Amino acid sequence: MTPSYKFTCYPYQCIMGTSTDVLIEHTITQRDVSRDDLVEAFEKFLLASGFHKNENERLDFIQEDLL
């Protein structure tokens, strides 16, 4: 299947030696994926890449009021 979206985390050398030498790819092949499902997939990608969030945190779109 052809990817519609792909998130990639490339390995890198960190000075502390704590990063793993792993390539992480999240590929979404569904073309009509909803925005909420895409955000959820990105959250999972971030977790797999070593970013952590608290139980009470989430990614979201915030509407800014026009002045």
Protein backbone atom coordinates (compact mmCIF):
# COMPACT_ATOMS: atom_id res chain seq x y z
CA MET A 1 0.00 0.00 0.00
CA THR A 2 1.09 3.53 -0.66
CA PRO A 3 1.71 5.65 2.45
CA SER A 4 -0.53 8.66 2.99
CA TYR A 5 1.43 9.91 6.01
CA LYS A 6 4.78 8.89 7.44
CA PHE A 7 6.41 10.02 10.69
CA THR A 8 10.12 9.18 10.98
CA CYS A 9 12.57 9.40 13.85
CA TYR A 10 16.18 8.88 12.76
CA PRO A 11 18.85 7.54 15.12
CA TYR A 12 21.44 10.01 16.34
CA GLN A 13 24.53 10.03 18.49
CA CYS A 14 23.85 11.76 21.79
CA ILE A 15 26.75 12.93 23.95
CA MET A 16 25.35 11.10 26.99
CA GLY A 17 25.14 7.81 25.10
CA THR A 18 21.53 7.27 26.15
CA SER A 19 19.85 7.21 22.75
CA THR A 20 19.35 3.89 20.99
CA ASP A 21 20.44 3.44 17.40
CA VAL A 22 16.92 2.73 16.16
CA LEU A 23 15.00 4.08 13.19
CA ILE A 24 11.32 4.51 14.08
CA GLU A 25 8.70 4.93 11.35
CA HIS A 26 4.96 5.24 11.72
CA THR A 27 3.24 4.82 8.36
CA ILE A 28 -0.44 5.52 7.80
CA THR A 29 -1.87 4.12 4.59
CA GLN A 30 -5.48 5.14 5.13
CA ARG A 31 -6.15 8.11 2.83
CA ASP A 32 -9.29 9.37 4.51
CA VAL A 33 -7.99 9.20 8.07
CA SER A 34 -9.75 11.64 10.39
CA ARG A 35 -7.85 14.49 12.02
CA ASP A 36 -8.43 12.99 15.47
CA ASP A 37 -7.09 9.60 14.34
CA LEU A 38 -4.05 11.27 12.77
CA VAL A 39 -3.33 13.16 16.00
CA GLU A 40 -3.67 9.91 17.97
CA ALA A 41 -1.21 8.18 15.60
CA PHE A 42 1.23 11.08 16.03
CA GLU A 43 0.94 10.83 19.83
CA LYS A 44 1.82 7.12 19.60
CA PHE A 45 4.76 7.96 17.33
CA LEU A 46 6.05 10.50 19.87
CA LEU A 47 5.81 7.92 22.66
CA ALA A 48 7.66 5.35 20.56
CA SER A 49 10.34 7.98 19.87
CA GLY A 50 10.97 8.49 23.58
CA PHE A 51 8.80 11.51 24.34
CA HIS A 52 6.60 11.06 27.38
CA LYS A 53 3.42 12.78 28.43
CA ASN A 54 1.49 12.80 31.66
CA GLU A 55 -1.88 11.09 31.98
CA ASN A 56 -3.62 14.47 31.96
CA GLU A 57 -1.86 15.76 28.81
CA ARG A 58 -2.84 15.43 25.15
CA LEU A 59 -2.20 17.03 21.79
CA ASP A 60 -5.00 19.26 20.63
CA PHE A 61 -5.99 22.02 18.24
CA ILE A 62 -6.78 25.30 19.96
CA GLN A 63 -8.91 27.88 18.27
CA GLU A 64 -7.60 31.38 18.70
CA ASP A 65 -10.21 34.11 18.76
CA LEU A 66 -9.78 36.76 16.11
CA LEU A 67 -9.44 40.26 17.52
